[in-house]
Amino acid sequence: MKSRYFLSHGFSGKAKGFRVKAAILVFFVVMTGYSPGWGAVGCDLNDPDRDVARLFPESTGYKTVYVSVAQKGGESLLLRIEKILGDKFHGIYETIDVPYTIYEIFAGKKKIGYIHGVNQKGQFGGIQVFLALDPEGRIKAFYIQKMTSQYAGKLRDAKFGRQFIGLTLTDLDLYDVVTGKASGKVSAIKNPVPEAEPDFRAALRATKKNLILMDEFVYSSNPGRIQK
């Protein structure tokens, strides 16, 4: 049930035609919005087969779906997301055309959950925060795939990630991403590294952003979702 998409280009002819073909390729890349060195930055699992099996042991397959804020609602959707997040989108990780990859997880023909990751700016570099979610939007697993920090080990530890299990967007609504103040269940999440407070708060912001995006992209059309 895995769904993959590939784009390939074949070039032939004499060397003198290379410049023309290269120019055509660059034009195509720019026009389609994909670029190896600039523009929107997406977030994919490094090893989907391994990670899907680890996060959903009961799964038999998965499908990848690609979506962006620009595609799903444009500027009005971006403004709504920012309002719920309580902060503005900024930087290369949060442009309106960022391609988000949603992994739909199946057991046979039944959809049993999702995996979705987001990029977030940390204190020393990018952080990739993935969430495994059940069909109602509850966090089954929290996973930091990448983090540039000397304290990454403790924030990527499974003990830290287990604190997020069971949380929903309703819970993260009570977290202020600007001030770092929290109430409810989120206030119980402990930072294992006080020296890495900026990265701890970045991880929480990424979690809230992740849940908001999934609510807009997926759960808003599911009548059984957990309401905000």
Protein backbone atom coordinates (compact mmCIF):
# COMPACT_ATOMS: atom_id res chain seq x y z
CA MET A 1 0.00 0.00 0.00
CA LYS A 2 3.02 2.22 -0.13
CA SER A 3 2.60 5.15 -2.46
CA ARG A 4 5.69 6.79 -3.90
CA TYR A 5 6.15 9.46 -6.53
CA PHE A 6 9.27 9.86 -8.62
CA LEU A 7 10.31 12.60 -11.02
CA SER A 8 13.13 11.87 -13.43
CA HIS A 9 14.72 13.76 -16.25
CA GLY A 10 16.67 12.31 -19.18
CA PHE A 11 19.26 14.37 -21.08
CA SER A 12 20.97 13.48 -24.34
CA GLY A 13 22.73 15.18 -27.20
CA LYS A 14 25.98 17.03 -27.62
CA ALA A 15 27.72 18.99 -24.86
CA LYS A 16 26.82 22.23 -26.61
CA GLY A 17 23.16 21.55 -25.84
CA PHE A 18 23.77 21.11 -22.12
CA ARG A 19 23.37 24.79 -21.26
CA VAL A 20 19.98 24.98 -22.96
CA LYS A 21 18.73 21.84 -21.24
CA ALA A 22 20.11 22.97 -17.90
CA ALA A 23 18.28 26.26 -18.29
CA ILE A 24 15.06 24.38 -19.06
CA LEU A 25 15.53 22.26 -15.96
CA VAL A 26 16.13 25.29 -13.77
CA PHE A 27 13.02 26.93 -15.21
CA PHE A 28 10.97 23.80 -14.49
CA VAL A 29 12.27 23.58 -10.94
CA VAL A 30 11.48 27.20 -10.22
CA MET A 31 8.02 27.03 -11.76
CA THR A 32 7.04 23.88 -9.85
CA GLY A 33 8.28 25.28 -6.57
CA TYR A 34 10.88 22.58 -5.84
CA SER A 35 14.52 23.39 -5.40
CA PRO A 36 17.57 21.65 -3.92
CA GLY A 37 18.99 24.79 -2.37
CA TRP A 38 16.32 27.38 -1.71
CA GLY A 39 12.62 27.85 -1.01
CA ALA A 40 10.29 25.81 1.19
CA VAL A 41 11.74 23.09 3.40
CA GLY A 42 9.73 19.91 3.91
CA CYS A 43 10.09 17.17 6.54
CA ASP A 44 10.19 13.47 5.68
CA LEU A 45 11.01 10.34 7.65
CA ASN A 46 14.57 9.20 7.01
CA ASP A 47 13.47 5.57 6.76
CA PRO A 48 9.67 5.33 6.39
CA ASP A 49 9.55 1.52 6.25
CA ARG A 50 11.47 1.18 9.50
CA ASP A 51 9.78 4.05 11.32
CA VAL A 52 6.22 3.07 10.37
CA ALA A 53 6.86 -0.47 11.61
CA ARG A 54 8.36 0.89 14.85
CA LEU A 55 5.64 3.45 15.58
CA PHE A 56 2.74 1.28 14.39
CA PRO A 57 3.77 -2.37 14.95
CA GLU A 58 0.32 -3.55 13.86
CA SER A 59 0.52 -1.79 10.49
CA THR A 60 0.59 -3.63 7.17
CA GLY A 61 1.31 -0.65 4.92
CA TYR A 62 1.23 3.08 4.49
CA LYS A 63 0.52 5.78 1.93
CA THR A 64 2.20 9.18 1.60
CA VAL A 65 0.14 12.31 0.95
CA TYR A 66 1.70 15.67 0.14
CA VAL A 67 -0.04 18.92 1.03
CA SER A 68 0.72 22.59 1.71
CA VAL A 69 -1.05 25.53 3.32
CA ALA A 70 -1.04 27.26 -0.06
CA GLN A 71 -2.79 24.30 -1.65
CA LYS A 72 -5.36 23.73 1.12
CA GLY A 73 -6.48 27.29 1.83
CA GLY A 74 -3.83 29.85 1.02
CA GLU A 75 -3.47 33.08 2.96
CA SER A 76 -6.74 32.74 4.88
CA LEU A 77 -5.73 29.30 6.14
CA LEU A 78 -2.29 30.60 7.11
CA LEU A 79 -3.87 33.39 9.16
CA ARG A 80 -6.15 30.90 10.91
CA ILE A 81 -3.23 28.61 11.74
CA GLU A 82 -1.20 31.51 13.10
CA LYS A 83 -4.13 32.61 15.26
CA ILE A 84 -4.52 29.15 16.79
CA LEU A 85 -0.76 28.81 17.22
CA GLY A 86 -0.54 32.23 18.85
CA ASP A 87 2.49 33.18 16.80
CA LYS A 88 3.45 34.18 13.27
CA PHE A 89 4.99 31.76 10.79
CA HIS A 90 8.48 32.85 9.77
CA GLY A 91 11.67 31.56 8.20
CA ILE A 92 12.23 28.87 5.57
CA TYR A 93 10.54 26.22 7.74
CA GLU A 94 7.21 28.04 7.79
CA THR A 95 6.53 29.50 4.37
CA ILE A 96 3.04 29.14 2.94
CA ASP A 97 4.28 26.65 0.32
CA VAL A 98 6.15 24.26 2.64
CA PRO A 99 5.40 20.70 1.40
CA TYR A 100 4.13 18.64 4.35
CA THR A 101 4.31 14.85 4.11
CA ILE A 102 1.52 12.94 5.84
CA TYR A 103 1.95 9.20 6.25
CA GLU A 104 -1.41 7.42 6.37
CA ILE A 105 -1.01 4.13 8.22
CA PHE A 106 -3.08 1.03 7.45
CA ALA A 107 -3.79 -2.37 8.96
CA GLY A 108 -5.24 -4.19 6.01
CA LYS A 109 -7.75 -1.77 4.49
CA LYS A 110 -8.39 0.05 7.77
CA LYS A 111 -6.68 3.37 8.39
CA ILE A 112 -5.27 3.21 11.92
CA GLY A 113 -3.39 6.49 12.23
CA TYR A 114 -0.95 9.01 10.85
CA ILE A 115 2.66 10.09 11.12
CA HIS A 116 3.50 13.71 10.44
CA GLY A 117 6.61 15.79 11.01
CA VAL A 118 7.46 19.49 11.03
CA ASN A 119 10.65 21.49 10.94
CA GLN A 120 11.21 23.97 13.74
CA LYS A 121 14.01 26.44 14.33
CA GLY A 122 15.93 25.58 17.48
CA GLN A 123 18.66 27.39 19.39
CA PHE A 124 21.51 26.00 17.29
CA GLY A 125 19.74 24.78 14.17
CA GLY A 126 16.74 22.90 12.85
CA ILE A 127 14.64 20.44 14.83
CA GLN A 128 12.45 17.80 13.20
CA VAL A 129 9.52 16.77 15.40
CA PHE A 130 7.37 13.83 14.33
CA LEU A 131 4.10 12.74 15.89
CA ALA A 132 2.36 9.39 15.52
CA LEU A 133 -1.37 10.07 15.88
CA ASP A 134 -4.40 7.83 16.26
CA PRO A 135 -7.53 8.37 14.10
CA GLU A 136 -8.98 10.79 16.70
CA GLY A 137 -5.90 13.00 16.91
CA ARG A 138 -4.28 11.72 20.11
CA ILE A 139 -0.50 11.47 20.22
CA LYS A 140 0.66 7.85 20.22
CA ALA A 141 4.33 8.71 19.99
CA PHE A 142 6.57 11.79 20.00
CA TYR A 143 9.79 11.51 18.04
CA ILE A 144 12.59 14.02 17.42
CA GLN A 145 14.26 12.78 14.26
CA LYS A 146 16.88 15.51 14.01
CA MET A 147 18.21 18.12 16.39
CA THR A 148 21.31 20.29 16.29
CA SER A 149 22.31 20.74 19.93
CA GLN A 150 24.79 19.38 22.44
CA TYR A 151 21.75 18.42 24.54
CA ALA A 152 19.99 16.55 21.73
CA GLY A 153 20.50 13.17 23.39
CA LYS A 154 18.35 13.99 26.41
CA LEU A 155 15.58 15.66 24.41
CA ARG A 156 15.51 12.74 21.97
CA ASP A 157 15.38 10.22 24.79
CA ALA A 158 12.26 8.02 24.89
CA LYS A 159 11.59 9.06 28.49
CA PHE A 160 11.09 12.67 27.39
CA GLY A 161 8.92 11.63 24.44
CA ARG A 162 6.60 9.51 26.59
CA GLN A 163 5.38 12.66 28.33
CA PHE A 164 3.50 13.62 25.14
CA ILE A 165 1.54 10.38 24.76
CA GLY A 166 -2.21 10.90 24.93
CA LEU A 167 -2.09 14.67 24.40
CA THR A 168 -4.33 16.35 21.81
CA LEU A 169 -4.64 19.78 20.26
CA THR A 170 -7.09 20.64 23.04
CA ASP A 171 -4.23 20.18 25.52
CA LEU A 172 -1.67 22.11 23.45
CA ASP A 173 -4.13 24.98 23.09
CA LEU A 174 -3.22 25.73 26.70
CA TYR A 175 0.44 26.25 25.83
CA ASP A 176 1.58 29.77 24.91
CA VAL A 177 4.36 29.37 22.35
CA VAL A 178 5.57 32.94 22.81
CA THR A 179 5.87 33.09 26.62
CA GLY A 180 6.37 29.38 27.24
CA LYS A 181 3.61 29.39 29.85
CA ALA A 182 1.45 26.28 30.07
CA SER A 183 -1.49 24.95 32.03
CA GLY A 184 -3.29 21.64 32.14
CA LYS A 185 -1.50 18.47 31.03
CA VAL A 186 1.21 20.33 29.12
CA SER A 187 2.41 22.00 32.32
CA ALA A 188 3.37 18.55 33.58
CA ILE A 189 5.93 18.03 30.79
CA LYS A 190 9.37 18.29 32.38
CA ASN A 191 12.41 19.67 30.63
CA PRO A 192 15.23 17.13 31.16
CA VAL A 193 17.88 19.74 30.35
CA PRO A 194 17.36 23.18 31.98
CA GLU A 195 20.31 24.49 29.97
CA ALA A 196 18.38 23.75 26.77
CA GLU A 197 15.25 25.75 27.60
CA PRO A 198 15.08 27.37 24.11
CA ASP A 199 15.15 23.94 22.44
CA PHE A 200 12.63 22.53 24.93
CA ARG A 201 10.22 25.36 24.10
CA ALA A 202 10.93 24.91 20.38
CA ALA A 203 9.94 21.24 20.69
CA LEU A 204 6.66 22.21 22.35
CA ARG A 205 5.97 24.84 19.69
CA ALA A 206 6.65 22.27 16.99
CA THR A 207 4.25 19.84 18.66
CA LYS A 208 1.48 22.42 18.79
CA LYS A 209 2.14 23.46 15.19
CA ASN A 210 2.14 19.82 14.11
CA LEU A 211 -1.25 19.18 15.73
CA ILE A 212 -2.77 22.36 14.27
CA LEU A 213 -1.64 21.46 10.76
CA MET A 214 -2.98 17.92 11.10
CA ASP A 215 -6.28 19.28 12.39
CA GLU A 216 -6.58 21.51 9.34
CA PHE A 217 -5.29 19.01 6.79
CA VAL A 218 -6.91 15.82 8.10
CA TYR A 219 -9.11 15.90 11.18
CA SER A 220 -11.31 18.84 10.20
CA SER A 221 -13.09 16.48 7.80
CA ASN A 222 -13.37 13.70 10.40
CA PRO A 223 -16.61 13.96 12.44
CA GLY A 224 -15.06 11.80 15.16
CA ARG A 225 -12.13 14.13 15.80
CA ILE A 226 -11.37 15.62 19.20
CA GLN A 227 -12.65 19.19 19.08
CA LYS A 228 -10.48 22.12 20.04
